[in-house]
Amino acid sequence: MRIALDAMGGDHAPQNIIAGAAMALREYPKIAKLFLVGDEPQIATCLKANDCNDRRVQIIHTTQVVEMSDQAVEAVRRKKDSSVSRAVDLVKQGEADAIVSAGHTGAAVAATTIKLRTLEGVERPGIASYLPTEHNVCVLIDAGANVEARPEHMLQYAIMGTVLSKHVLGFHNPAVGLMSIGGEDVKGSDFTKEIFKLLKDSKLNFRGNVEGHDLFECPVEVVLCDGFTGNVVLKTCEATATAVFHWLKREIAKSPLRRIGAYLAKDAFRPIRNKTNYEMYGGSPLLGVNGICIIAHGASSPLAIKNAVRVATEFIEQKINPRIVEAIKEYNESSGNRHQES
């Protein structure tokens, strides 16, 4: 497995990126090559600080960095020697199997879409994020790649999310729910109603509409929404989880008795903290591009980067892209047959 890591992407790059890379190299022996793409002197300093002299590391020097204030497409066009663009080039040239970036999400989406194109049969890529629920982990798609999706794009997101849930998360027959403002079929906008019809006519395990309060309780494995809604939902969930733990710590600190109780309950708190911690999930895959792209959180810690690399290895191992192409093809063929019969 050959991974290209955008060493300059993220709020704490390159320090956290290189520290996470060192952790990944120690933990994942299946990595054959890890390209660290970015400013060579800075990367070399961070490697030394992390006591990492692994022979599998290759530094690809670049002279530009995409800033968060840059426009995504313009950054790809004008900053051809940026760390994210050069990392994507490695995948395009067949030297790397996947790219991992904690930098500018829009630039990562634009670079992979422009340079790698989409998979056969896929019209628009979508970001899939993992959300913990009461009973399992569900896939939220799209989480921000396409804010102006059409109904047919949404159907493809549902297909790709199902492939991910089945082959990476291990659910035999993932259930799909459509994010809307009510559980009834008649609820929602004209847009969601049209998507509802497409999903109902598909062979997916479609369970109907789901609402915001269903996210952490409802038994679906794939939650479908447009990129605007998905991004708002994801960031709201992250902020809520963080706020709740801050509030809890503040209240516990107010009394010695509460601190004793918290110490006794620490084994109960820790699993919940891990379940809601984005670091444990690593990164969000960009589904539908002709390559593997894992988008990590901008504030990623070394642990989060290590786990983002893990997600990339899982996608390579499970051959997710060929499975997506096959699933889209099967849908198109079955849809064509239904149209001919009618």
C-alpha atoms as a PDB file:
ATOM      1  CA  MET A   1       0.000   0.000   0.000  1.00  0.00           C
ATOM      2  CA  ARG A   2       1.315   3.409  -1.005  1.00  0.00           C
ATOM      3  CA  ILE A   3      -0.116   6.502   0.684  1.00  0.00           C
ATOM      4  CA  ALA A   4       0.464  10.144  -0.259  1.00  0.00           C
ATOM      5  CA  LEU A   5       0.118  12.369   2.808  1.00  0.00           C
ATOM      6  CA  ASP A   6      -0.418  16.109   2.439  1.00  0.00           C
ATOM      7  CA  ALA A   7       2.129  17.169   5.051  1.00  0.00           C
ATOM      8  CA  MET A   8       1.268  20.876   4.867  1.00  0.00           C
ATOM      9  CA  GLY A   9      -2.512  20.557   5.157  1.00  0.00           C
ATOM     10  CA  GLY A  10      -4.226  21.322   8.444  1.00  0.00           C
ATOM     11  CA  ASP A  11      -4.233  23.760  11.340  1.00  0.00           C
ATOM     12  CA  HIS A  12      -1.209  22.119  12.964  1.00  0.00           C
ATOM     13  CA  ALA A  13       0.839  21.125   9.936  1.00  0.00           C
ATOM     14  CA  PRO A  14       3.380  19.797   9.492  1.00  0.00           C
ATOM     15  CA  GLN A  15       3.997  18.853  13.150  1.00  0.00           C
ATOM     16  CA  ASN A  16       0.811  16.846  13.780  1.00  0.00           C
ATOM     17  CA  ILE A  17       0.817  15.376  10.274  1.00  0.00           C
ATOM     18  CA  ILE A  18       4.339  13.982  10.607  1.00  0.00           C
ATOM     19  CA  ALA A  19       3.716  12.756  14.173  1.00  0.00           C
ATOM     20  CA  GLY A  20       0.626  10.912  12.912  1.00  0.00           C
ATOM     21  CA  ALA A  21       2.588   9.517   9.983  1.00  0.00           C
ATOM     22  CA  ALA A  22       5.209   8.150  12.376  1.00  0.00           C
ATOM     23  CA  MET A  23       2.459   6.474  14.423  1.00  0.00           C
ATOM     24  CA  ALA A  24       0.927   4.956  11.273  1.00  0.00           C
ATOM     25  CA  LEU A  25       4.274   3.560  10.108  1.00  0.00           C
ATOM     26  CA  ARG A  26       4.792   1.856  13.457  1.00  0.00           C
ATOM     27  CA  GLU A  27       1.275   0.422  13.586  1.00  0.00           C
ATOM     28  CA  TYR A  28       0.567  -0.532   9.963  1.00  0.00           C
ATOM     29  CA  PRO A  29       3.294  -2.762   8.479  1.00  0.00           C
ATOM     30  CA  LYS A  30       1.232  -3.205   5.299  1.00  0.00           C
ATOM     31  CA  ILE A  31       2.192   0.329   4.235  1.00  0.00           C
ATOM     32  CA  ALA A  32       4.866  -0.165   1.584  1.00  0.00           C
ATOM     33  CA  LYS A  33       5.494   3.516   0.887  1.00  0.00           C
ATOM     34  CA  LEU A  34       4.463   6.738   2.601  1.00  0.00           C
ATOM     35  CA  PHE A  35       4.988   9.876   0.564  1.00  0.00           C
ATOM     36  CA  LEU A  36       5.238  13.009   2.697  1.00  0.00           C
ATOM     37  CA  VAL A  37       4.391  15.900   0.383  1.00  0.00           C
ATOM     38  CA  GLY A  38       5.367  19.429   1.371  1.00  0.00           C
ATOM     39  CA  ASP A  39       8.267  21.607   2.464  1.00  0.00           C
ATOM     40  CA  GLU A  40      11.248  19.244   2.763  1.00  0.00           C
ATOM     41  CA  PRO A  41      13.220  21.087   5.481  1.00  0.00           C
ATOM     42  CA  GLN A  42      10.177  21.317   7.746  1.00  0.00           C
ATOM     43  CA  ILE A  43       9.239  17.689   7.135  1.00  0.00           C
ATOM     44  CA  ALA A  44      12.794  16.508   7.837  1.00  0.00           C
ATOM     45  CA  THR A  45      12.854  18.464  11.116  1.00  0.00           C
ATOM     46  CA  CYS A  46       9.548  16.922  12.215  1.00  0.00           C
ATOM     47  CA  LEU A  47      10.697  13.417  11.275  1.00  0.00           C
ATOM     48  CA  LYS A  48      13.783  13.884  13.424  1.00  0.00           C
ATOM     49  CA  ALA A  49      11.677  15.202  16.303  1.00  0.00           C
ATOM     50  CA  ASN A  50       9.550  12.050  16.106  1.00  0.00           C
ATOM     51  CA  ASP A  51      12.623   9.802  15.857  1.00  0.00           C
ATOM     52  CA  CYS A  52      11.331   8.467  12.546  1.00  0.00           C
ATOM     53  CA  ASN A  53      13.870   7.226  10.011  1.00  0.00           C
ATOM     54  CA  ASP A  54      11.644   4.602   8.400  1.00  0.00           C
ATOM     55  CA  ARG A  55      12.885   3.545   4.966  1.00  0.00           C
ATOM     56  CA  ARG A  56       9.320   3.518   3.658  1.00  0.00           C
ATOM     57  CA  VAL A  57       9.193   7.342   3.862  1.00  0.00           C
ATOM     58  CA  GLN A  58       9.837   9.429   0.765  1.00  0.00           C
ATOM     59  CA  ILE A  59       9.670  13.218   0.915  1.00  0.00           C
ATOM     60  CA  ILE A  60       8.234  15.035  -2.118  1.00  0.00           C
ATOM     61  CA  HIS A  61       9.298  18.671  -1.872  1.00  0.00           C
ATOM     62  CA  THR A  62       6.775  21.357  -2.803  1.00  0.00           C
ATOM     63  CA  THR A  63       6.981  25.127  -2.715  1.00  0.00           C
ATOM     64  CA  GLN A  64       3.329  26.107  -2.271  1.00  0.00           C
ATOM     65  CA  VAL A  65       0.562  25.600   0.287  1.00  0.00           C
ATOM     66  CA  VAL A  66      -3.183  26.058  -0.198  1.00  0.00           C
ATOM     67  CA  GLU A  67      -4.405  28.490   2.448  1.00  0.00           C
ATOM     68  CA  MET A  68      -7.877  28.268   3.967  1.00  0.00           C
ATOM     69  CA  SER A  69      -8.717  31.659   2.423  1.00  0.00           C
ATOM     70  CA  ASP A  70      -7.959  30.401  -1.106  1.00  0.00           C
ATOM     71  CA  GLN A  71     -10.758  29.610  -3.528  1.00  0.00           C
ATOM     72  CA  ALA A  72     -10.731  25.855  -4.155  1.00  0.00           C
ATOM     73  CA  VAL A  73     -10.660  25.646  -7.948  1.00  0.00           C
ATOM     74  CA  GLU A  74      -8.408  28.691  -8.318  1.00  0.00           C
ATOM     75  CA  ALA A  75      -5.961  27.200  -5.833  1.00  0.00           C
ATOM     76  CA  VAL A  76      -5.730  24.003  -7.875  1.00  0.00           C
ATOM     77  CA  ARG A  77      -5.188  25.945 -11.088  1.00  0.00           C
ATOM     78  CA  ARG A  78      -2.719  28.529  -9.785  1.00  0.00           C
ATOM     79  CA  LYS A  79      -0.853  26.579  -7.113  1.00  0.00           C
ATOM     80  CA  LYS A  80       0.225  23.585  -9.142  1.00  0.00           C
ATOM     81  CA  ASP A  81       3.150  22.950  -6.785  1.00  0.00           C
ATOM     82  CA  SER A  82       1.007  22.895  -3.658  1.00  0.00           C
ATOM     83  CA  SER A  83       1.253  19.912  -1.334  1.00  0.00           C
ATOM     84  CA  VAL A  84      -2.322  18.770  -1.986  1.00  0.00           C
ATOM     85  CA  SER A  85      -2.011  19.042  -5.788  1.00  0.00           C
ATOM     86  CA  ARG A  86       1.279  17.178  -5.886  1.00  0.00           C
ATOM     87  CA  ALA A  87      -0.111  14.480  -3.606  1.00  0.00           C
ATOM     88  CA  VAL A  88      -3.049  13.969  -5.984  1.00  0.00           C
ATOM     89  CA  ASP A  89      -0.583  13.872  -8.895  1.00  0.00           C
ATOM     90  CA  LEU A  90       1.118  10.881  -7.258  1.00  0.00           C
ATOM     91  CA  VAL A  91      -2.208   9.002  -7.334  1.00  0.00           C
ATOM     92  CA  LYS A  92      -2.877  10.087 -10.926  1.00  0.00           C
ATOM     93  CA  GLN A  93       0.558   8.855 -12.023  1.00  0.00           C
ATOM     94  CA  GLY A  94       0.021   5.500 -10.315  1.00  0.00           C
ATOM     95  CA  GLU A  95       2.820   6.017  -7.785  1.00  0.00           C
ATOM     96  CA  ALA A  96       0.415   6.170  -4.810  1.00  0.00           C
ATOM     97  CA  ASP A  97      -2.831   4.324  -4.095  1.00  0.00           C
ATOM     98  CA  ALA A  98      -4.444   7.001  -1.923  1.00  0.00           C
ATOM     99  CA  ILE A  99      -4.154  10.565  -0.700  1.00  0.00           C
ATOM    100  CA  VAL A 100      -4.804  11.757   2.859  1.00  0.00           C
ATOM    101  CA  SER A 101      -5.214  15.483   3.558  1.00  0.00           C
ATOM    102  CA  ALA A 102      -6.284  17.550   6.570  1.00  0.00           C
ATOM    103  CA  GLY A 103      -6.035  20.766   4.586  1.00  0.00           C
ATOM    104  CA  HIS A 104      -8.503  22.815   2.559  1.00  0.00           C
ATOM    105  CA  THR A 105     -11.458  20.459   1.954  1.00  0.00           C
ATOM    106  CA  GLY A 106     -12.626  22.303  -1.145  1.00  0.00           C
ATOM    107  CA  ALA A 107      -9.142  22.148  -2.671  1.00  0.00           C
ATOM    108  CA  ALA A 108      -8.863  18.417  -1.968  1.00  0.00           C
ATOM    109  CA  VAL A 109     -12.265  17.803  -3.576  1.00  0.00           C
ATOM    110  CA  ALA A 110     -11.426  20.036  -6.551  1.00  0.00           C
ATOM    111  CA  ALA A 111      -7.948  18.588  -7.087  1.00  0.00           C
ATOM    112  CA  THR A 112      -9.102  14.968  -7.002  1.00  0.00           C
ATOM    113  CA  THR A 113     -12.166  15.644  -9.163  1.00  0.00           C
ATOM    114  CA  ILE A 114     -10.244  17.645 -11.768  1.00  0.00           C
ATOM    115  CA  LYS A 115      -7.125  15.504 -11.899  1.00  0.00           C
ATOM    116  CA  LEU A 116      -8.529  12.021 -11.259  1.00  0.00           C
ATOM    117  CA  ARG A 117     -12.065  12.480 -12.623  1.00  0.00           C
ATOM    118  CA  THR A 118     -14.973  10.454 -11.308  1.00  0.00           C
ATOM    119  CA  LEU A 119     -15.457   6.709 -11.381  1.00  0.00           C
ATOM    120  CA  GLU A 120     -17.277   5.191 -14.334  1.00  0.00           C
ATOM    121  CA  GLY A 121     -20.993   5.930 -14.000  1.00  0.00           C
ATOM    122  CA  VAL A 122     -20.576   8.423 -11.136  1.00  0.00           C
ATOM    123  CA  GLU A 123     -21.637  12.012 -11.853  1.00  0.00           C
ATOM    124  CA  ARG A 124     -20.605  13.798  -8.635  1.00  0.00           C
ATOM    125  CA  PRO A 125     -18.367  12.765  -5.727  1.00  0.00           C
ATOM    126  CA  GLY A 126     -19.670  12.891  -2.167  1.00  0.00           C
ATOM    127  CA  ILE A 127     -17.996  13.042   1.238  1.00  0.00           C
ATOM    128  CA  ALA A 128     -18.978  10.221   3.572  1.00  0.00           C
ATOM    129  CA  SER A 129     -18.613  10.796   7.314  1.00  0.00           C
ATOM    130  CA  TYR A 130     -19.122   8.395  10.181  1.00  0.00           C
ATOM    131  CA  LEU A 131     -21.646   9.206  12.908  1.00  0.00           C
ATOM    132  CA  PRO A 132     -21.924   7.147  16.113  1.00  0.00           C
ATOM    133  CA  THR A 133     -25.440   6.017  16.987  1.00  0.00           C
ATOM    134  CA  GLU A 134     -26.900   4.161  19.937  1.00  0.00           C
ATOM    135  CA  HIS A 135     -26.438   0.764  18.292  1.00  0.00           C
ATOM    136  CA  ASN A 136     -23.811   1.178  15.550  1.00  0.00           C
ATOM    137  CA  VAL A 137     -22.013   3.640  13.272  1.00  0.00           C
ATOM    138  CA  CYS A 138     -23.891   5.163  10.361  1.00  0.00           C
ATOM    139  CA  VAL A 139     -22.599   6.775   7.179  1.00  0.00           C
ATOM    140  CA  LEU A 140     -23.665  10.374   6.533  1.00  0.00           C
ATOM    141  CA  ILE A 141     -23.380  11.320   2.853  1.00  0.00           C
ATOM    142  CA  ASP A 142     -22.907  13.955   1.447  1.00  0.00           C
ATOM    143  CA  ALA A 143     -21.062  15.896   4.151  1.00  0.00           C
ATOM    144  CA  GLY A 144     -19.992  18.851   2.037  1.00  0.00           C
ATOM    145  CA  ALA A 145     -18.647  17.976  -1.409  1.00  0.00           C
ATOM    146  CA  ASN A 146     -21.685  19.007  -3.479  1.00  0.00           C
ATOM    147  CA  VAL A 147     -24.063  21.668  -2.158  1.00  0.00           C
ATOM    148  CA  GLU A 148     -26.145  21.772  -5.341  1.00  0.00           C
ATOM    149  CA  ALA A 149     -26.883  18.099  -5.882  1.00  0.00           C
ATOM    150  CA  ARG A 150     -29.569  16.795  -8.190  1.00  0.00           C
ATOM    151  CA  PRO A 151     -31.834  13.857  -7.251  1.00  0.00           C
ATOM    152  CA  GLU A 152     -29.842  11.448  -9.443  1.00  0.00           C
ATOM    153  CA  HIS A 153     -26.645  12.476  -7.623  1.00  0.00           C
ATOM    154  CA  MET A 154     -28.331  11.727  -4.316  1.00  0.00           C
ATOM    155  CA  LEU A 155     -29.312   8.275  -5.497  1.00  0.00           C
ATOM    156  CA  GLN A 156     -25.691   7.586  -6.397  1.00  0.00           C
ATOM    157  CA  TYR A 157     -24.631   8.798  -2.941  1.00  0.00           C
ATOM    158  CA  ALA A 158     -27.014   6.261  -1.445  1.00  0.00           C
ATOM    159  CA  ILE A 159     -25.493   3.492  -3.555  1.00  0.00           C
ATOM    160  CA  MET A 160     -21.925   4.497  -2.664  1.00  0.00           C
ATOM    161  CA  GLY A 161     -22.779   4.882   1.022  1.00  0.00           C
ATOM    162  CA  THR A 162     -24.297   1.406   0.990  1.00  0.00           C
ATOM    163  CA  VAL A 163     -21.108  -0.050  -0.522  1.00  0.00           C
ATOM    164  CA  LEU A 164     -19.028   1.660   2.165  1.00  0.00           C
ATOM    165  CA  SER A 165     -21.287   0.519   4.996  1.00  0.00           C
ATOM    166  CA  LYS A 166     -21.341  -3.049   3.722  1.00  0.00           C
ATOM    167  CA  HIS A 167     -17.674  -3.619   2.910  1.00  0.00           C
ATOM    168  CA  VAL A 168     -15.888  -1.384   5.445  1.00  0.00           C
ATOM    169  CA  LEU A 169     -18.283  -1.279   8.406  1.00  0.00           C
ATOM    170  CA  GLY A 170     -19.511  -4.840   7.858  1.00  0.00           C
ATOM    171  CA  PHE A 171     -23.307  -4.405   7.706  1.00  0.00           C
ATOM    172  CA  HIS A 172     -24.885  -7.154   5.621  1.00  0.00           C
ATOM    173  CA  ASN A 173     -27.788  -5.178   4.176  1.00  0.00           C
ATOM    174  CA  PRO A 174     -27.365  -1.497   5.129  1.00  0.00           C
ATOM    175  CA  ALA A 175     -30.584   0.434   5.564  1.00  0.00           C
ATOM    176  CA  VAL A 176     -30.823   3.857   3.918  1.00  0.00           C
ATOM    177  CA  GLY A 177     -32.712   6.840   5.347  1.00  0.00           C
ATOM    178  CA  LEU A 178     -33.365  10.177   3.637  1.00  0.00           C
ATOM    179  CA  MET A 179     -32.847  13.258   5.816  1.00  0.00           C
ATOM    180  CA  SER A 180     -36.070  15.290   5.825  1.00  0.00           C
ATOM    181  CA  ILE A 181     -38.349  17.312   8.114  1.00  0.00           C
ATOM    182  CA  GLY A 182     -40.763  14.486   8.848  1.00  0.00           C
ATOM    183  CA  GLY A 183     -40.965  10.722   8.749  1.00  0.00           C
ATOM    184  CA  GLU A 184     -44.054  10.609   6.549  1.00  0.00           C
ATOM    185  CA  ASP A 185     -43.713  10.116   2.790  1.00  0.00           C
ATOM    186  CA  VAL A 186     -45.459  13.413   2.038  1.00  0.00           C
ATOM    187  CA  LYS A 187     -43.099  15.499   4.207  1.00  0.00           C
ATOM    188  CA  GLY A 188     -40.186  17.468   2.770  1.00  0.00           C
ATOM    189  CA  SER A 189     -39.406  19.720  -0.173  1.00  0.00           C
ATOM    190  CA  ASP A 190     -40.055  18.911  -3.832  1.00  0.00           C
ATOM    191  CA  PHE A 191     -36.371  18.002  -3.983  1.00  0.00           C
ATOM    192  CA  THR A 192     -36.534  15.402  -1.197  1.00  0.00           C
ATOM    193  CA  LYS A 193     -39.828  14.027  -2.502  1.00  0.00           C
ATOM    194  CA  GLU A 194     -38.252  13.375  -5.892  1.00  0.00           C
ATOM    195  CA  ILE A 195     -35.305  11.648  -4.234  1.00  0.00           C
ATOM    196  CA  PHE A 196     -37.747   9.608  -2.152  1.00  0.00           C
ATOM    197  CA  LYS A 197     -39.350   8.246  -5.336  1.00  0.00           C
ATOM    198  CA  LEU A 198     -35.984   7.284  -6.828  1.00  0.00           C
ATOM    199  CA  LEU A 199     -34.906   5.511  -3.657  1.00  0.00           C
ATOM    200  CA  LYS A 200     -38.218   3.716  -3.324  1.00  0.00           C
ATOM    201  CA  ASP A 201     -37.930   2.387  -6.892  1.00  0.00           C
ATOM    202  CA  SER A 202     -34.332   1.238  -6.371  1.00  0.00           C
ATOM    203  CA  LYS A 203     -33.231  -2.099  -4.964  1.00  0.00           C
ATOM    204  CA  LEU A 204     -31.608  -0.411  -1.990  1.00  0.00           C
ATOM    205  CA  ASN A 205     -32.821  -1.201   1.519  1.00  0.00           C
ATOM    206  CA  PHE A 206     -34.639   2.139   1.758  1.00  0.00           C
ATOM    207  CA  ARG A 207     -36.435   2.778   5.063  1.00  0.00           C
ATOM    208  CA  GLY A 208     -37.941   6.176   4.241  1.00  0.00           C
ATOM    209  CA  ASN A 209     -37.382   9.603   5.752  1.00  0.00           C
ATOM    210  CA  VAL A 210     -35.396  10.241   8.915  1.00  0.00           C
ATOM    211  CA  GLU A 211     -35.377  13.434  10.992  1.00  0.00           C
ATOM    212  CA  GLY A 212     -32.606  15.142  12.896  1.00  0.00           C
ATOM    213  CA  HIS A 213     -33.641  13.615  16.218  1.00  0.00           C
ATOM    214  CA  ASP A 214     -33.455  10.132  14.642  1.00  0.00           C
ATOM    215  CA  LEU A 215     -29.749  10.400  13.834  1.00  0.00           C
ATOM    216  CA  PHE A 216     -28.442   8.802  17.007  1.00  0.00           C
ATOM    217  CA  GLU A 217     -31.337   6.406  17.585  1.00  0.00           C
ATOM    218  CA  CYS A 218     -32.745   5.287  14.248  1.00  0.00           C
ATOM    219  CA  PRO A 219     -31.533   1.919  12.972  1.00  0.00           C
ATOM    220  CA  VAL A 220     -30.442   3.035   9.485  1.00  0.00           C
ATOM    221  CA  GLU A 221     -26.818   2.584   8.443  1.00  0.00           C
ATOM    222  CA  VAL A 222     -26.757   5.234   5.688  1.00  0.00           C
ATOM    223  CA  VAL A 223     -28.183   8.755   6.138  1.00  0.00           C
ATOM    224  CA  LEU A 224     -28.610  10.608   2.853  1.00  0.00           C
ATOM    225  CA  CYS A 225     -28.600  14.404   2.456  1.00  0.00           C
ATOM    226  CA  ASP A 226     -27.228  17.123   0.206  1.00  0.00           C
ATOM    227  CA  GLY A 227     -23.791  18.557   0.932  1.00  0.00           C
ATOM    228  CA  PHE A 228     -25.061  21.794   2.488  1.00  0.00           C
ATOM    229  CA  THR A 229     -27.320  20.003   4.967  1.00  0.00           C
ATOM    230  CA  GLY A 230     -24.802  17.270   5.656  1.00  0.00           C
ATOM    231  CA  ASN A 231     -21.990  19.674   6.444  1.00  0.00           C
ATOM    232  CA  VAL A 232     -24.189  21.655   8.857  1.00  0.00           C
ATOM    233  CA  VAL A 233     -25.368  18.444  10.557  1.00  0.00           C
ATOM    234  CA  LEU A 234     -21.831  17.068  10.892  1.00  0.00           C
ATOM    235  CA  LYS A 235     -20.315  20.231  12.370  1.00  0.00           C
ATOM    236  CA  THR A 236     -23.270  20.705  14.712  1.00  0.00           C
ATOM    237  CA  CYS A 237     -22.858  17.152  15.997  1.00  0.00           C
ATOM    238  CA  GLU A 238     -19.117  17.622  16.521  1.00  0.00           C
ATOM    239  CA  ALA A 239     -19.624  20.908  18.366  1.00  0.00           C
ATOM    240  CA  THR A 240     -22.399  19.467  20.538  1.00  0.00           C
ATOM    241  CA  ALA A 241     -20.289  16.481  21.599  1.00  0.00           C
ATOM    242  CA  THR A 242     -17.374  18.744  22.494  1.00  0.00           C
ATOM    243  CA  ALA A 243     -19.600  21.181  24.392  1.00  0.00           C
ATOM    244  CA  VAL A 244     -21.291  18.446  26.432  1.00  0.00           C
ATOM    245  CA  PHE A 245     -17.944  17.109  27.684  1.00  0.00           C
ATOM    246  CA  HIS A 246     -16.762  20.622  28.540  1.00  0.00           C
ATOM    247  CA  TRP A 247     -19.967  21.257  30.472  1.00  0.00           C
ATOM    248  CA  LEU A 248     -19.606  17.934  32.250  1.00  0.00           C
ATOM    249  CA  LYS A 249     -16.000  18.658  33.281  1.00  0.00           C
ATOM    250  CA  ARG A 250     -16.982  22.094  34.579  1.00  0.00           C
ATOM    251  CA  GLU A 251     -19.806  20.704  36.714  1.00  0.00           C
ATOM    252  CA  ILE A 252     -17.669  17.839  38.042  1.00  0.00           C
ATOM    253  CA  ALA A 253     -14.930  20.274  39.094  1.00  0.00           C
ATOM    254  CA  LYS A 254     -17.335  22.202  41.356  1.00  0.00           C
ATOM    255  CA  SER A 255     -17.345  19.619  44.128  1.00  0.00           C
ATOM    256  CA  PRO A 256     -14.882  17.102  45.675  1.00  0.00           C
ATOM    257  CA  LEU A 257     -17.735  14.598  45.911  1.00  0.00           C
ATOM    258  CA  ARG A 258     -18.481  14.976  42.205  1.00  0.00           C
ATOM    259  CA  ARG A 259     -14.791  14.470  41.383  1.00  0.00           C
ATOM    260  CA  ILE A 260     -14.774  11.252  43.382  1.00  0.00           C
ATOM    261  CA  GLY A 261     -17.912  10.095  41.583  1.00  0.00           C
ATOM    262  CA  ALA A 262     -16.375  10.942  38.205  1.00  0.00           C
ATOM    263  CA  TYR A 263     -13.257   8.949  39.087  1.00  0.00           C
ATOM    264  CA  LEU A 264     -15.384   5.930  39.980  1.00  0.00           C
ATOM    265  CA  ALA A 265     -17.331   6.326  36.714  1.00  0.00           C
ATOM    266  CA  LYS A 266     -14.315   6.915  34.457  1.00  0.00           C
ATOM    267  CA  ASP A 267     -14.644   3.482  32.851  1.00  0.00           C
ATOM    268  CA  ALA A 268     -18.147   4.489  31.745  1.00  0.00           C
ATOM    269  CA  PHE A 269     -17.109   7.934  30.502  1.00  0.00           C
ATOM    270  CA  ARG A 270     -14.135   6.736  28.444  1.00  0.00           C
ATOM    271  CA  PRO A 271     -16.062   4.592  25.896  1.00  0.00           C
ATOM    272  CA  ILE A 272     -18.540   7.428  25.323  1.00  0.00           C
ATOM    273  CA  ARG A 273     -15.697   9.900  24.859  1.00  0.00           C
ATOM    274  CA  ASN A 274     -14.024   7.588  22.333  1.00  0.00           C
ATOM    275  CA  LYS A 275     -17.286   7.001  20.494  1.00  0.00           C
ATOM    276  CA  THR A 276     -17.873  10.728  20.001  1.00  0.00           C
ATOM    277  CA  ASN A 277     -14.229  11.633  19.348  1.00  0.00           C
ATOM    278  CA  TYR A 278     -13.535  12.465  15.686  1.00  0.00           C
ATOM    279  CA  GLU A 279      -9.888  11.430  16.203  1.00  0.00           C
ATOM    280  CA  MET A 280     -10.927   7.781  16.454  1.00  0.00           C
ATOM    281  CA  TYR A 281     -12.647   7.854  13.049  1.00  0.00           C
ATOM    282  CA  GLY A 282      -9.675   9.476  11.309  1.00  0.00           C
ATOM    283  CA  GLY A 283     -11.086  10.957   8.157  1.00  0.00           C
ATOM    284  CA  SER A 284     -13.967  11.130   5.723  1.00  0.00           C
ATOM    285  CA  PRO A 285     -13.604   9.353   2.372  1.00  0.00           C
ATOM    286  CA  LEU A 286     -14.477  11.241  -0.792  1.00  0.00           C
ATOM    287  CA  LEU A 287     -16.565   8.657  -2.625  1.00  0.00           C
ATOM    288  CA  GLY A 288     -16.914   8.607  -6.390  1.00  0.00           C
ATOM    289  CA  VAL A 289     -13.516   9.870  -7.539  1.00  0.00           C
ATOM    290  CA  ASN A 290     -11.222   7.640  -9.581  1.00  0.00           C
ATOM    291  CA  GLY A 291      -8.784   7.261  -6.725  1.00  0.00           C
ATOM    292  CA  ILE A 292      -8.873   7.100  -2.941  1.00  0.00           C
ATOM    293  CA  CYS A 293      -9.049  10.414  -1.103  1.00  0.00           C
ATOM    294  CA  ILE A 294      -9.421  10.655   2.674  1.00  0.00           C
ATOM    295  CA  ILE A 295     -10.239  14.098   4.084  1.00  0.00           C
ATOM    296  CA  ALA A 296      -9.181  14.550   7.704  1.00  0.00           C
ATOM    297  CA  HIS A 297     -10.349  17.217  10.151  1.00  0.00           C
ATOM    298  CA  GLY A 298      -8.496  20.518   9.856  1.00  0.00           C
ATOM    299  CA  ALA A 299      -7.578  20.436  13.540  1.00  0.00           C
ATOM    300  CA  SER A 300      -6.418  16.817  13.362  1.00  0.00           C
ATOM    301  CA  SER A 301      -4.186  15.528  16.126  1.00  0.00           C
ATOM    302  CA  PRO A 302      -1.464  12.938  15.408  1.00  0.00           C
ATOM    303  CA  LEU A 303      -3.938  10.235  16.468  1.00  0.00           C
ATOM    304  CA  ALA A 304      -6.509  11.500  13.958  1.00  0.00           C
ATOM    305  CA  ILE A 305      -3.916  11.486  11.155  1.00  0.00           C
ATOM    306  CA  LYS A 306      -2.851   7.973  12.068  1.00  0.00           C
ATOM    307  CA  ASN A 307      -6.448   6.821  11.868  1.00  0.00           C
ATOM    308  CA  ALA A 308      -7.006   8.687   8.583  1.00  0.00           C
ATOM    309  CA  VAL A 309      -4.144   6.660   7.129  1.00  0.00           C
ATOM    310  CA  ARG A 310      -5.836   3.549   8.525  1.00  0.00           C
ATOM    311  CA  VAL A 311      -9.062   4.467   6.702  1.00  0.00           C
ATOM    312  CA  ALA A 312      -7.062   4.778   3.465  1.00  0.00           C
ATOM    313  CA  THR A 313      -5.601   1.297   3.957  1.00  0.00           C
ATOM    314  CA  GLU A 314      -9.091  -0.129   4.558  1.00  0.00           C
ATOM    315  CA  PHE A 315     -10.328   1.349   1.281  1.00  0.00           C
ATOM    316  CA  ILE A 316      -7.398  -0.157  -0.582  1.00  0.00           C
ATOM    317  CA  GLU A 317      -7.840  -3.565   1.059  1.00  0.00           C
ATOM    318  CA  GLN A 318     -11.594  -3.734   0.497  1.00  0.00           C
ATOM    319  CA  LYS A 319     -11.355  -2.540  -3.142  1.00  0.00           C
ATOM    320  CA  ILE A 320     -14.110   0.008  -2.518  1.00  0.00           C
ATOM    321  CA  ASN A 321     -13.844   1.829  -5.849  1.00  0.00           C
ATOM    322  CA  PRO A 322     -14.299  -1.277  -8.036  1.00  0.00           C
ATOM    323  CA  ARG A 323     -17.249  -2.249  -5.847  1.00  0.00           C
ATOM    324  CA  ILE A 324     -18.813   1.203  -6.347  1.00  0.00           C
ATOM    325  CA  VAL A 325     -18.405   0.942 -10.125  1.00  0.00           C
ATOM    326  CA  GLU A 326     -20.047  -2.490 -10.053  1.00  0.00           C
ATOM    327  CA  ALA A 327     -22.942  -1.281  -7.882  1.00  0.00           C
ATOM    328  CA  ILE A 328     -23.616   1.767 -10.092  1.00  0.00           C
ATOM    329  CA  LYS A 329     -23.496  -0.422 -13.193  1.00  0.00           C
ATOM    330  CA  GLU A 330     -25.944  -2.906 -11.690  1.00  0.00           C
ATOM    331  CA  TYR A 331     -28.354  -0.110 -10.839  1.00  0.00           C
ATOM    332  CA  ASN A 332     -28.138   1.417 -14.328  1.00  0.00           C
ATOM    333  CA  GLU A 333     -28.755  -1.961 -15.957  1.00  0.00           C
ATOM    334  CA  SER A 334     -31.725  -2.789 -13.719  1.00  0.00           C
ATOM    335  CA  SER A 335     -33.138   0.717 -14.201  1.00  0.00           C
ATOM    336  CA  GLY A 336     -32.800   0.382 -17.967  1.00  0.00           C
ATOM    337  CA  ASN A 337     -34.585  -2.955 -17.893  1.00  0.00           C
ATOM    338  CA  ARG A 338     -37.466  -1.485 -15.884  1.00  0.00           C
ATOM    339  CA  HIS A 339     -37.850   1.369 -18.379  1.00  0.00           C
ATOM    340  CA  GLN A 340     -37.947  -1.096 -21.275  1.00  0.00           C
ATOM    341  CA  GLU A 341     -40.571  -3.248 -19.551  1.00  0.00           C
ATOM    342  CA  SER A 342     -42.776  -0.218 -18.845  1.00  0.00           C
END
